[in-house]
Protein backbone atom coordinates (compact mmCIF):
# COMPACT_ATOMS: atom_id res chain seq x y z
CA MET A 1 6.20 -17.94 19.20
CA LYS A 2 9.01 -18.45 17.41
CA THR A 3 10.51 -16.00 14.57
CA LEU A 4 12.92 -16.40 12.67
CA LEU A 5 14.98 -13.25 9.92
CA PHE A 6 16.56 -14.58 6.95
CA GLN A 7 18.65 -11.45 5.87
CA ASP A 8 20.07 -11.06 2.39
CA VAL A 9 19.38 -13.83 1.12
CA THR A 10 17.78 -15.00 -3.31
CA VAL A 11 14.28 -15.60 -3.13
CA ILE A 12 12.48 -18.54 -5.48
CA ASP A 13 8.67 -18.32 -4.25
CA GLY A 14 8.05 -21.55 -6.85
CA SER A 15 6.24 -19.45 -8.97
CA GLY A 16 8.19 -18.51 -12.18
CA ARG A 17 9.05 -15.28 -11.27
CA GLU A 18 13.10 -14.05 -11.68
CA PRO A 19 14.33 -15.20 -8.53
CA GLN A 20 14.61 -11.86 -6.46
CA ALA A 21 18.17 -11.42 -4.38
CA ASN A 22 19.32 -9.10 -1.16
CA MET A 23 15.66 -9.56 0.30
CA ASP A 24 15.04 -10.12 4.14
CA VAL A 25 12.59 -13.15 5.06
CA LEU A 26 10.63 -12.39 8.32
CA VAL A 27 8.76 -15.52 9.77
CA THR A 28 6.50 -16.74 12.24
CA ASP A 29 5.22 -19.51 13.78
CA GLY A 30 6.45 -21.22 10.73
CA CYS A 31 4.19 -18.79 8.00
CA ILE A 32 6.10 -16.02 6.29
CA ASN A 33 5.08 -12.72 7.90
CA ALA A 34 7.15 -10.63 5.45
CA LEU A 35 9.09 -10.41 2.28
CA GLN A 36 10.93 -6.93 1.38
CA ALA A 37 14.61 -5.49 0.48
CA HIS A 38 17.70 -6.14 2.27
CA GLY A 39 17.69 -3.73 5.37
CA SER A 40 13.97 -2.34 4.86
CA LEU A 41 12.17 -4.32 7.50
CA SER A 42 11.37 -3.82 11.06
CA TYR A 43 11.35 -6.49 13.63
CA ASP A 44 12.35 -7.21 17.37
CA GLU A 45 15.37 -7.52 17.96
CA GLN A 46 15.05 -9.29 21.60
CA ARG A 47 12.49 -11.70 19.82
CA THR A 48 13.82 -13.03 16.70
CA GLU A 49 16.65 -15.75 15.34
CA VAL A 50 18.48 -13.66 13.03
CA TYR A 51 20.41 -15.82 10.36
CA GLN A 52 22.57 -13.42 8.08
CA LEU A 53 22.63 -15.16 4.60
CA ARG A 54 24.34 -13.73 2.30
CA GLY A 55 24.79 -15.70 -1.54
CA MET A 56 22.19 -18.02 -0.37
CA THR A 57 18.84 -19.04 -1.77
CA LEU A 58 16.07 -19.50 0.54
CA LEU A 59 13.06 -21.97 -1.83
CA PRO A 60 9.76 -23.35 -0.69
CA GLY A 61 10.02 -26.96 0.31
CA LEU A 62 9.93 -29.31 -2.57
CA ILE A 63 7.15 -32.49 -2.32
CA ASP A 64 7.85 -35.57 -4.05
CA CYS A 65 4.05 -36.54 -5.03
CA HIS A 66 4.34 -38.73 -8.04
CA VAL A 67 4.15 -42.33 -7.07
CA HIS A 68 3.27 -45.40 -9.02
CA ILE A 69 1.07 -47.67 -6.68
CA MET A 70 0.96 -50.71 -8.54
CA MET A 71 4.86 -50.61 -8.76
CA ASP A 72 6.74 -52.39 -6.38
CA GLY A 73 10.38 -50.73 -7.15
CA GLY A 74 11.31 -54.38 -7.84
CA PRO A 75 13.72 -55.53 -11.73
CA GLU A 76 10.57 -56.23 -13.81
CA GLY A 77 8.47 -53.01 -12.16
CA ARG A 78 5.33 -54.86 -11.07
CA VAL A 79 3.33 -56.09 -8.11
CA LYS A 80 2.04 -59.97 -9.02
CA PRO A 81 -1.57 -59.73 -10.16
CA GLU A 82 -3.08 -61.05 -6.82
CA GLU A 83 -1.34 -58.04 -5.12
CA SER A 84 -2.35 -55.87 -7.64
CA LEU A 85 -5.74 -56.90 -6.72
CA VAL A 86 -5.23 -55.10 -3.71
CA CYS A 87 -4.33 -52.09 -4.42
CA CYS A 88 -6.86 -52.02 -6.73
CA ASP A 89 -10.09 -52.64 -3.93
CA ALA A 90 -8.06 -50.15 -1.69
CA LEU A 91 -7.98 -47.17 -4.50
CA GLY A 92 -11.84 -47.99 -5.49
CA ARG A 93 -10.88 -49.18 -9.26
CA GLU A 94 -11.41 -52.38 -11.57
CA PRO A 95 -8.08 -54.23 -12.07
CA ARG A 96 -6.86 -54.45 -15.82
CA ASP A 97 -4.77 -57.31 -17.59
């Protein structure tokens, strides 16, 4: 079990709320276990890697899920019609003209 403590960070949680300054975030095995005001969190000092990050911002990982499966990024932005049939078949869609 790996435990990390990020101390005194500004937290942006991705919910649209205002950023929360001067927070401590305790993470165990990749899961956030606690989020409290700096200095108020108790933890096992022997088993926790502590990172003092005053002035830094902590936010969720961002994933780009935006995809155009019918485009190859070439100068015309399209694949050849015969290649698009393969993509349509894989997606269970009918090809368009």
